[in-house]
Amino acid sequence: MVEDRASIAQGTSSSGSDLPRTAGPSATMRAAIISMGGELFTIDLKSVREVFVVESITPVPGTPSGLVGVTNLRGTVIPLLDLRPMFGLDAGAALRYAVVVRHSNWQVGVLVDTVPEIRTIAADQFLPAPAGTTEGAFPFVSTVVKLEDRLRGVLETSVVLSHFEETG
C-alpha cells in the first residue's frame, strides 16, 4: 500500500473532482489507484484527504445500504462506505484500509483492499464510460482511464457522496 502523504496533500489543494477537460498534452490528473473486490479504480487526489488502516468499525442501525458503520479517526467520527455490493463485486473479505474522500462539508471513508500507487494520468488516457444504464453498470463511474492496456473506472466521489447524503 502506498501512503504517499506528500502526494495526497499536493492533490488536495483545491476542492472538487475535475477531470482534465482540455485536449492538450499537458492536461493531467493526480490519482490514487485503489483496489476493491479484485478490481482497480482511480480517485482524483483533489477529493482524497488521507488513507488509513481501519482498526474497528462500529455498526450504526438504520443507515443506508453501503454505509457499514463508523470509525474514530483521531477524534473525528468517519462514516465508512463499502461500494463492492453496489458494483456487483465480491464483498466476502473484510477490507483493511479506508480512503477518506470529501464533498462539500461531508467526508466519508471508502473501504478498499489496498492503495497500490499514486500516479499522474495524462488526459489522453481518459475515455468516456460506456453509455446506457444496464443492470451491471457502475453508476458512480462516468469516465474510464486506460492503464497498462486495461480500462479502469474513475470513481466520481462527488456523485457517490451526494447519493449517500440524499439517502441518509
N, C-alpha and C. Protein backbone atom coordinates (compact mmCIF):
# COMPACT_ATOMS: atom_id res chain seq x y z
N MET A 1 0.84 -1.18 0.00
CA MET A 1 0.00 0.00 0.00
C MET A 1 0.88 1.24 0.00
N VAL A 2 0.49 2.22 -0.74
CA VAL A 2 1.23 3.47 -0.81
C VAL A 2 0.61 4.45 0.18
N GLU A 3 1.43 4.98 1.05
CA GLU A 3 0.96 6.03 1.95
C GLU A 3 1.79 7.26 1.66
N ASP A 4 1.62 7.81 0.48
CA ASP A 4 2.36 8.95 -0.02
C ASP A 4 1.65 10.22 0.42
N ARG A 5 1.81 10.58 1.69
CA ARG A 5 1.07 11.72 2.24
C ARG A 5 1.43 13.02 1.53
N ALA A 6 2.68 13.17 1.09
CA ALA A 6 3.04 14.40 0.37
C ALA A 6 2.28 14.48 -0.94
N SER A 7 2.14 13.35 -1.62
CA SER A 7 1.39 13.34 -2.88
C SER A 7 -0.08 13.60 -2.63
N ILE A 8 -0.61 13.03 -1.56
CA ILE A 8 -2.02 13.25 -1.24
C ILE A 8 -2.25 14.71 -0.90
N ALA A 9 -1.36 15.29 -0.09
CA ALA A 9 -1.51 16.70 0.27
C ALA A 9 -1.42 17.58 -0.97
N GLN A 10 -0.51 17.25 -1.89
CA GLN A 10 -0.37 18.02 -3.11
C GLN A 10 -1.65 17.96 -3.94
N GLY A 11 -2.31 16.82 -3.94
CA GLY A 11 -3.51 16.66 -4.74
C GLY A 11 -4.75 17.26 -4.12
N THR A 12 -4.67 17.72 -2.89
CA THR A 12 -5.86 18.23 -2.22
C THR A 12 -5.87 19.74 -2.09
N SER A 13 -5.12 20.42 -2.95
CA SER A 13 -5.02 21.86 -2.81
C SER A 13 -6.31 22.60 -3.18
N SER A 14 -7.18 21.99 -3.96
CA SER A 14 -8.47 22.62 -4.28
C SER A 14 -9.56 21.59 -4.17
N SER A 15 -10.81 22.06 -4.08
CA SER A 15 -11.92 21.12 -3.91
C SER A 15 -12.49 20.72 -5.24
N GLY A 16 -13.28 19.66 -5.24
CA GLY A 16 -13.94 19.18 -6.45
C GLY A 16 -13.21 18.01 -7.04
N SER A 17 -13.83 17.42 -8.05
CA SER A 17 -13.27 16.25 -8.71
C SER A 17 -13.27 16.50 -10.20
N ASP A 18 -12.50 17.51 -10.64
CA ASP A 18 -12.50 17.88 -12.05
C ASP A 18 -11.47 17.06 -12.81
N LEU A 19 -11.93 16.32 -13.79
CA LEU A 19 -11.04 15.59 -14.66
C LEU A 19 -10.48 16.55 -15.68
N PRO A 20 -9.33 16.21 -16.29
CA PRO A 20 -8.80 17.09 -17.32
C PRO A 20 -9.83 17.25 -18.43
N ARG A 21 -10.13 18.47 -18.78
CA ARG A 21 -11.13 18.72 -19.80
C ARG A 21 -10.51 19.23 -21.09
N THR A 22 -9.24 19.57 -21.06
CA THR A 22 -8.60 20.06 -22.26
C THR A 22 -7.92 18.92 -22.99
N ALA A 23 -7.77 19.09 -24.28
CA ALA A 23 -7.16 18.03 -25.08
C ALA A 23 -5.65 18.20 -25.18
N GLY A 24 -5.11 19.23 -24.58
CA GLY A 24 -3.68 19.49 -24.67
C GLY A 24 -2.87 18.41 -23.98
N PRO A 25 -1.62 18.22 -24.44
CA PRO A 25 -0.79 17.16 -23.89
C PRO A 25 -0.37 17.39 -22.45
N SER A 26 -0.49 18.65 -21.95
CA SER A 26 -0.06 18.92 -20.58
C SER A 26 -1.17 18.69 -19.56
N ALA A 27 -2.41 18.40 -19.98
CA ALA A 27 -3.51 18.19 -19.05
C ALA A 27 -3.33 16.84 -18.36
N THR A 28 -3.29 16.88 -17.02
CA THR A 28 -3.09 15.65 -16.26
C THR A 28 -3.97 15.66 -15.02
N MET A 29 -4.08 14.50 -14.37
CA MET A 29 -4.79 14.38 -13.11
C MET A 29 -3.94 13.51 -12.20
N ARG A 30 -3.74 13.95 -10.96
CA ARG A 30 -3.08 13.12 -9.96
C ARG A 30 -4.16 12.22 -9.38
N ALA A 31 -3.89 10.93 -9.30
CA ALA A 31 -4.91 9.97 -8.88
C ALA A 31 -4.33 8.92 -7.95
N ALA A 32 -5.20 8.46 -7.03
CA ALA A 32 -4.89 7.29 -6.21
C ALA A 32 -5.51 6.10 -6.92
N ILE A 33 -4.72 5.07 -7.14
CA ILE A 33 -5.23 3.82 -7.69
C ILE A 33 -5.67 3.00 -6.48
N ILE A 34 -6.92 2.52 -6.49
CA ILE A 34 -7.44 1.74 -5.36
C ILE A 34 -7.91 0.38 -5.86
N SER A 35 -7.86 -0.59 -4.97
CA SER A 35 -8.33 -1.94 -5.28
C SER A 35 -9.52 -2.26 -4.38
N MET A 36 -10.64 -2.70 -5.03
CA MET A 36 -11.84 -3.13 -4.30
C MET A 36 -12.34 -4.40 -4.96
N GLY A 37 -12.51 -5.45 -4.20
CA GLY A 37 -13.09 -6.68 -4.72
C GLY A 37 -12.39 -7.22 -5.95
N GLY A 38 -11.08 -7.04 -6.03
CA GLY A 38 -10.31 -7.55 -7.15
C GLY A 38 -10.29 -6.64 -8.37
N GLU A 39 -10.95 -5.49 -8.30
CA GLU A 39 -10.96 -4.53 -9.42
C GLU A 39 -10.21 -3.27 -9.01
N LEU A 40 -9.58 -2.63 -9.98
CA LEU A 40 -8.88 -1.38 -9.73
C LEU A 40 -9.71 -0.21 -10.22
N PHE A 41 -9.71 0.86 -9.43
CA PHE A 41 -10.38 2.11 -9.75
C PHE A 41 -9.40 3.24 -9.49
N THR A 42 -9.73 4.42 -9.96
CA THR A 42 -8.93 5.60 -9.63
C THR A 42 -9.82 6.61 -8.93
N ILE A 43 -9.20 7.41 -8.07
CA ILE A 43 -9.88 8.52 -7.40
C ILE A 43 -8.99 9.74 -7.56
N ASP A 44 -9.57 10.85 -8.01
CA ASP A 44 -8.84 12.10 -8.14
C ASP A 44 -8.33 12.52 -6.77
N LEU A 45 -7.03 12.82 -6.68
CA LEU A 45 -6.44 13.18 -5.39
C LEU A 45 -7.02 14.48 -4.83
N LYS A 46 -7.66 15.29 -5.65
CA LYS A 46 -8.28 16.51 -5.14
C LYS A 46 -9.40 16.18 -4.15
N SER A 47 -9.95 14.97 -4.25
CA SER A 47 -11.04 14.56 -3.35
C SER A 47 -10.53 13.78 -2.14
N VAL A 48 -9.27 13.37 -2.15
CA VAL A 48 -8.73 12.50 -1.10
C VAL A 48 -8.12 13.32 0.02
N ARG A 49 -8.56 13.01 1.25
CA ARG A 49 -7.97 13.66 2.43
C ARG A 49 -6.80 12.83 2.95
N GLU A 50 -7.01 11.52 3.09
CA GLU A 50 -5.94 10.63 3.56
C GLU A 50 -6.36 9.17 3.41
N VAL A 51 -5.38 8.29 3.63
CA VAL A 51 -5.59 6.84 3.62
C VAL A 51 -5.17 6.34 5.00
N PHE A 52 -5.99 5.46 5.60
CA PHE A 52 -5.63 4.94 6.92
C PHE A 52 -6.06 3.49 7.07
N VAL A 53 -5.44 2.81 8.04
CA VAL A 53 -5.79 1.44 8.38
C VAL A 53 -7.01 1.49 9.29
N VAL A 54 -8.05 0.74 8.94
CA VAL A 54 -9.27 0.69 9.75
C VAL A 54 -9.05 -0.32 10.87
N GLU A 55 -9.07 0.16 12.10
CA GLU A 55 -8.84 -0.72 13.24
C GLU A 55 -10.13 -1.29 13.79
N SER A 56 -11.23 -0.52 13.73
CA SER A 56 -12.52 -1.04 14.20
C SER A 56 -13.64 -0.29 13.49
N ILE A 57 -14.77 -1.01 13.35
CA ILE A 57 -15.96 -0.43 12.74
C ILE A 57 -17.10 -0.62 13.72
N THR A 58 -17.80 0.48 14.02
CA THR A 58 -18.98 0.43 14.89
C THR A 58 -20.21 0.51 14.00
N PRO A 59 -21.02 -0.57 13.95
CA PRO A 59 -22.24 -0.52 13.13
C PRO A 59 -23.21 0.53 13.68
N VAL A 60 -23.96 1.16 12.77
CA VAL A 60 -24.96 2.14 13.15
C VAL A 60 -26.29 1.70 12.54
N PRO A 61 -27.26 1.32 13.37
CA PRO A 61 -28.56 0.87 12.84
C PRO A 61 -29.26 1.97 12.05
N GLY A 62 -29.98 1.57 11.02
CA GLY A 62 -30.79 2.49 10.24
C GLY A 62 -30.06 3.29 9.19
N THR A 63 -28.78 2.98 8.95
CA THR A 63 -28.04 3.71 7.91
C THR A 63 -28.35 3.11 6.54
N PRO A 64 -28.19 3.91 5.48
CA PRO A 64 -28.45 3.40 4.13
C PRO A 64 -27.54 2.22 3.78
N SER A 65 -28.01 1.39 2.87
CA SER A 65 -27.21 0.26 2.40
C SER A 65 -25.89 0.79 1.85
N GLY A 66 -24.81 0.14 2.20
CA GLY A 66 -23.49 0.57 1.76
C GLY A 66 -22.72 1.25 2.87
N LEU A 67 -23.41 1.96 3.76
CA LEU A 67 -22.75 2.55 4.92
C LEU A 67 -22.70 1.47 5.99
N VAL A 68 -21.48 0.95 6.23
CA VAL A 68 -21.35 -0.21 7.10
C VAL A 68 -21.14 0.15 8.56
N GLY A 69 -20.90 1.42 8.84
CA GLY A 69 -20.69 1.85 10.22
C GLY A 69 -19.80 3.07 10.25
N VAL A 70 -19.24 3.32 11.44
CA VAL A 70 -18.36 4.47 11.63
C VAL A 70 -17.08 4.01 12.32
N THR A 71 -16.05 4.85 12.20
CA THR A 71 -14.80 4.61 12.92
C THR A 71 -14.30 5.94 13.46
N ASN A 72 -13.41 5.87 14.44
CA ASN A 72 -12.84 7.06 15.04
C ASN A 72 -11.46 7.28 14.43
N LEU A 73 -11.29 8.42 13.77
CA LEU A 73 -10.01 8.78 13.18
C LEU A 73 -9.49 10.02 13.90
N ARG A 74 -8.60 9.80 14.87
CA ARG A 74 -8.02 10.90 15.67
C ARG A 74 -9.08 11.85 16.21
N GLY A 75 -10.15 11.29 16.77
CA GLY A 75 -11.18 12.09 17.41
C GLY A 75 -12.31 12.53 16.49
N THR A 76 -12.24 12.20 15.21
CA THR A 76 -13.31 12.53 14.26
C THR A 76 -14.03 11.25 13.88
N VAL A 77 -15.37 11.27 13.96
CA VAL A 77 -16.16 10.11 13.56
C VAL A 77 -16.29 10.13 12.03
N ILE A 78 -15.84 9.05 11.41
CA ILE A 78 -15.85 8.93 9.95
C ILE A 78 -16.81 7.81 9.56
N PRO A 79 -17.88 8.11 8.77
CA PRO A 79 -18.73 7.03 8.25
C PRO A 79 -17.93 6.22 7.24
N LEU A 80 -18.16 4.92 7.23
CA LEU A 80 -17.43 4.01 6.32
C LEU A 80 -18.37 3.43 5.29
N LEU A 81 -17.94 3.47 4.06
CA LEU A 81 -18.75 3.07 2.92
C LEU A 81 -18.09 1.88 2.21
N ASP A 82 -18.87 0.81 1.99
CA ASP A 82 -18.40 -0.34 1.22
C ASP A 82 -19.15 -0.34 -0.11
N LEU A 83 -18.46 0.00 -1.19
CA LEU A 83 -19.09 0.10 -2.51
C LEU A 83 -19.16 -1.23 -3.26
N ARG A 84 -18.52 -2.27 -2.76
CA ARG A 84 -18.47 -3.53 -3.50
C ARG A 84 -19.84 -4.09 -3.85
N PRO A 85 -20.82 -4.14 -2.92
CA PRO A 85 -22.14 -4.67 -3.31
C PRO A 85 -22.82 -3.83 -4.39
N MET A 86 -22.63 -2.52 -4.34
CA MET A 86 -23.24 -1.64 -5.33
C MET A 86 -22.65 -1.87 -6.72
N PHE A 87 -21.38 -2.31 -6.76
CA PHE A 87 -20.70 -2.55 -8.02
C PHE A 87 -20.77 -4.01 -8.45
N GLY A 88 -21.46 -4.84 -7.67
CA GLY A 88 -21.56 -6.26 -8.01
C GLY A 88 -20.25 -7.01 -7.81
N LEU A 89 -19.41 -6.52 -6.90
CA LEU A 89 -18.11 -7.15 -6.63
C LEU A 89 -18.21 -8.04 -5.41
N ASP A 90 -17.30 -9.00 -5.30
CA ASP A 90 -17.27 -9.92 -4.16
C ASP A 90 -17.01 -9.14 -2.88
N ALA A 91 -17.93 -9.22 -1.94
CA ALA A 91 -17.83 -8.49 -0.68
C ALA A 91 -17.57 -9.41 0.50
N GLY A 92 -17.00 -10.58 0.23
CA GLY A 92 -16.80 -11.55 1.30
C GLY A 92 -15.70 -11.20 2.28
N ALA A 93 -14.59 -10.66 1.81
CA ALA A 93 -13.44 -10.39 2.68
C ALA A 93 -13.57 -9.02 3.34
N ALA A 94 -13.07 -8.94 4.58
CA ALA A 94 -13.04 -7.65 5.28
C ALA A 94 -11.99 -6.77 4.63
N LEU A 95 -12.26 -5.48 4.59
CA LEU A 95 -11.33 -4.53 4.00
C LEU A 95 -10.54 -3.83 5.09
N ARG A 96 -9.23 -3.71 4.91
CA ARG A 96 -8.34 -3.18 5.94
C ARG A 96 -8.16 -1.67 5.88
N TYR A 97 -8.32 -1.09 4.72
CA TYR A 97 -7.98 0.32 4.54
C TYR A 97 -9.20 1.15 4.17
N ALA A 98 -9.11 2.45 4.45
CA ALA A 98 -10.14 3.39 4.03
C ALA A 98 -9.46 4.61 3.41
N VAL A 99 -10.06 5.09 2.33
CA VAL A 99 -9.62 6.32 1.69
C VAL A 99 -10.65 7.38 2.08
N VAL A 100 -10.23 8.39 2.83
CA VAL A 100 -11.15 9.45 3.25
C VAL A 100 -11.28 10.43 2.09
N VAL A 101 -12.52 10.52 1.59
CA VAL A 101 -12.82 11.45 0.50
C VAL A 101 -13.83 12.48 1.00
N ARG A 102 -13.84 13.62 0.33
CA ARG A 102 -14.75 14.67 0.79
C ARG A 102 -15.53 15.26 -0.38
N HIS A 103 -16.69 15.81 -0.03
CA HIS A 103 -17.56 16.52 -0.96
C HIS A 103 -18.27 17.59 -0.14
N SER A 104 -18.12 18.83 -0.53
CA SER A 104 -18.64 19.95 0.24
C SER A 104 -18.10 19.87 1.66
N ASN A 105 -18.98 19.83 2.65
CA ASN A 105 -18.54 19.74 4.04
C ASN A 105 -18.62 18.33 4.61
N TRP A 106 -18.87 17.35 3.74
CA TRP A 106 -19.07 15.98 4.21
C TRP A 106 -17.88 15.13 3.79
N GLN A 107 -17.44 14.24 4.66
CA GLN A 107 -16.37 13.31 4.31
C GLN A 107 -16.76 11.91 4.74
N VAL A 108 -16.22 10.93 4.02
CA VAL A 108 -16.54 9.54 4.29
C VAL A 108 -15.30 8.70 3.95
N GLY A 109 -15.17 7.58 4.65
CA GLY A 109 -14.10 6.64 4.36
C GLY A 109 -14.63 5.57 3.41
N VAL A 110 -14.05 5.47 2.22
CA VAL A 110 -14.40 4.42 1.27
C VAL A 110 -13.47 3.24 1.57
N LEU A 111 -14.06 2.10 1.95
CA LEU A 111 -13.26 0.92 2.28
C LEU A 111 -12.66 0.33 1.01
N VAL A 112 -11.36 -0.01 1.09
CA VAL A 112 -10.64 -0.56 -0.06
C VAL A 112 -9.74 -1.70 0.41
N ASP A 113 -9.37 -2.58 -0.56
CA ASP A 113 -8.40 -3.63 -0.26
C ASP A 113 -7.02 -3.02 -0.05
N THR A 114 -6.59 -2.23 -1.04
CA THR A 114 -5.28 -1.58 -0.99
C THR A 114 -5.31 -0.30 -1.80
N VAL A 115 -4.27 0.49 -1.62
CA VAL A 115 -3.99 1.66 -2.47
C VAL A 115 -2.59 1.41 -3.01
N PRO A 116 -2.50 0.68 -4.14
CA PRO A 116 -1.18 0.27 -4.60
C PRO A 116 -0.29 1.40 -5.09
N GLU A 117 -0.87 2.52 -5.55
CA GLU A 117 0.00 3.60 -6.00
C GLU A 117 -0.75 4.91 -6.19
N ILE A 118 0.04 5.97 -6.23
CA ILE A 118 -0.41 7.31 -6.58
C ILE A 118 0.29 7.61 -7.91
N ARG A 119 -0.46 8.12 -8.90
CA ARG A 119 0.19 8.41 -10.17
C ARG A 119 -0.45 9.59 -10.86
N THR A 120 0.27 10.11 -11.83
CA THR A 120 -0.23 11.18 -12.69
C THR A 120 -0.75 10.54 -13.96
N ILE A 121 -1.98 10.90 -14.34
CA ILE A 121 -2.61 10.31 -15.52
C ILE A 121 -2.81 11.41 -16.55
N ALA A 122 -2.35 11.16 -17.77
CA ALA A 122 -2.47 12.14 -18.85
C ALA A 122 -3.90 12.15 -19.41
N ALA A 123 -4.31 13.30 -19.94
CA ALA A 123 -5.67 13.47 -20.47
C ALA A 123 -5.98 12.48 -21.58
N ASP A 124 -4.98 12.09 -22.38
CA ASP A 124 -5.26 11.17 -23.49
C ASP A 124 -5.52 9.74 -23.02
N GLN A 125 -5.37 9.46 -21.72
CA GLN A 125 -5.68 8.14 -21.17
C GLN A 125 -7.14 8.02 -20.76
N PHE A 126 -7.89 9.14 -20.74
CA PHE A 126 -9.29 9.13 -20.33
C PHE A 126 -10.21 8.85 -21.51
N LEU A 127 -11.23 8.04 -21.26
CA LEU A 127 -12.23 7.71 -22.26
C LEU A 127 -13.60 7.82 -21.61
N PRO A 128 -14.65 8.14 -22.37
CA PRO A 128 -15.98 8.16 -21.76
C PRO A 128 -16.40 6.75 -21.38
N ALA A 129 -17.13 6.64 -20.28
CA ALA A 129 -17.67 5.34 -19.87
C ALA A 129 -18.72 4.91 -20.87
N PRO A 130 -18.95 3.61 -21.02
CA PRO A 130 -19.99 3.14 -21.94
C PRO A 130 -21.35 3.74 -21.59
N ALA A 131 -22.07 4.15 -22.60
CA ALA A 131 -23.40 4.73 -22.39
C ALA A 131 -24.40 3.64 -22.05
N GLY A 132 -25.50 4.04 -21.42
CA GLY A 132 -26.55 3.07 -21.08
C GLY A 132 -26.62 2.84 -19.59
N THR A 133 -27.72 2.30 -19.18
CA THR A 133 -27.93 2.04 -17.75
C THR A 133 -28.26 0.58 -17.54
N THR A 134 -27.37 -0.29 -17.99
CA THR A 134 -27.61 -1.72 -17.80
C THR A 134 -27.52 -2.06 -16.33
N GLU A 135 -28.12 -3.16 -15.96
CA GLU A 135 -28.20 -3.55 -14.54
C GLU A 135 -26.82 -3.71 -13.92
N GLY A 136 -25.82 -4.18 -14.67
CA GLY A 136 -24.49 -4.40 -14.12
C GLY A 136 -23.59 -3.19 -14.19
N ALA A 137 -24.08 -2.07 -14.68
CA ALA A 137 -23.25 -0.88 -14.84
C ALA A 137 -22.84 -0.31 -13.49
N PHE A 138 -21.70 0.38 -13.46
CA PHE A 138 -21.23 1.05 -12.26
C PHE A 138 -21.79 2.47 -12.28
N PRO A 139 -22.81 2.77 -11.47
CA PRO A 139 -23.47 4.07 -11.57
C PRO A 139 -22.60 5.25 -11.14
N PHE A 140 -21.52 5.02 -10.41
CA PHE A 140 -20.70 6.12 -9.92
C PHE A 140 -19.41 6.28 -10.71
N VAL A 141 -19.35 5.67 -11.89
CA VAL A 141 -18.20 5.76 -12.76
C VAL A 141 -18.65 6.37 -14.08
N SER A 142 -18.23 7.62 -14.35
CA SER A 142 -18.65 8.27 -15.59
C SER A 142 -17.54 8.35 -16.61
N THR A 143 -16.34 8.00 -16.22
CA THR A 143 -15.17 8.05 -17.09
C THR A 143 -14.33 6.81 -16.81
N VAL A 144 -13.62 6.35 -17.82
CA VAL A 144 -12.66 5.27 -17.62
C VAL A 144 -11.29 5.78 -18.03
N VAL A 145 -10.27 5.14 -17.52
CA VAL A 145 -8.90 5.51 -17.83
C VAL A 145 -8.16 4.26 -18.25
N LYS A 146 -7.31 4.39 -19.25
CA LYS A 146 -6.54 3.26 -19.75
C LYS A 146 -5.19 3.23 -19.03
N LEU A 147 -4.99 2.17 -18.23
CA LEU A 147 -3.74 1.95 -17.51
C LEU A 147 -3.24 0.56 -17.82
N GLU A 148 -1.99 0.46 -18.24
CA GLU A 148 -1.39 -0.83 -18.58
C GLU A 148 -2.31 -1.66 -19.49
N ASP A 149 -2.82 -1.05 -20.54
CA ASP A 149 -3.65 -1.71 -21.55
C ASP A 149 -4.96 -2.29 -21.02
N ARG A 150 -5.41 -1.82 -19.85
CA ARG A 150 -6.71 -2.20 -19.32
C ARG A 150 -7.48 -0.96 -18.95
N LEU A 151 -8.79 -1.04 -19.03
CA LEU A 151 -9.63 0.10 -18.66
C LEU A 151 -9.98 0.03 -17.18
N ARG A 152 -9.86 1.15 -16.51
CA ARG A 152 -10.18 1.24 -15.08
C ARG A 152 -11.21 2.35 -14.89
N GLY A 153 -12.14 2.15 -13.99
CA GLY A 153 -13.15 3.17 -13.72
C GLY A 153 -12.59 4.30 -12.87
N VAL A 154 -13.00 5.53 -13.19
CA VAL A 154 -12.67 6.68 -12.37
C VAL A 154 -13.86 6.90 -11.44
N LEU A 155 -13.66 6.68 -10.17
CA LEU A 155 -14.72 6.80 -9.18
C LEU A 155 -15.05 8.27 -8.96
N GLU A 156 -16.28 8.64 -9.25
CA GLU A 156 -16.74 10.02 -9.10
C GLU A 156 -17.21 10.21 -7.66
N THR A 157 -16.30 10.63 -6.80
CA THR A 157 -16.60 10.71 -5.38
C THR A 157 -17.72 11.70 -5.07
N SER A 158 -17.82 12.78 -5.83
CA SER A 158 -18.89 13.75 -5.55
C SER A 158 -20.26 13.12 -5.80
N VAL A 159 -20.37 12.27 -6.83
CA VAL A 159 -21.64 11.59 -7.12
C VAL A 159 -21.95 10.56 -6.03
N VAL A 160 -20.93 9.81 -5.61
CA VAL A 160 -21.12 8.81 -4.55
C VAL A 160 -21.59 9.48 -3.27
N LEU A 161 -20.90 10.53 -2.85
CA LEU A 161 -21.25 11.18 -1.59
C LEU A 161 -22.58 11.90 -1.68
N SER A 162 -22.89 12.49 -2.82
CA SER A 162 -24.21 13.13 -2.99
C SER A 162 -25.33 12.10 -2.86
N HIS A 163 -25.12 10.90 -3.41
CA HIS A 163 -26.10 9.82 -3.32
C HIS A 163 -26.37 9.48 -1.86
N PHE A 164 -25.32 9.36 -1.06
CA PHE A 164 -25.49 8.97 0.33
C PHE A 164 -25.98 10.11 1.19
N GLU A 165 -25.71 11.35 0.83
CA GLU A 165 -26.29 12.48 1.55
C GLU A 165 -27.80 12.50 1.37
N GLU A 166 -28.27 12.17 0.16
CA GLU A 166 -29.70 12.17 -0.13
C GLU A 166 -30.43 11.03 0.55
N THR A 167 -29.77 9.86 0.69
CA THR A 167 -30.43 8.70 1.27
C THR A 167 -30.26 8.63 2.77
N GLY A 168 -29.36 9.46 3.33
CA GLY A 168 -29.05 9.40 4.76
C GLY A 168 -30.04 10.08 5.63
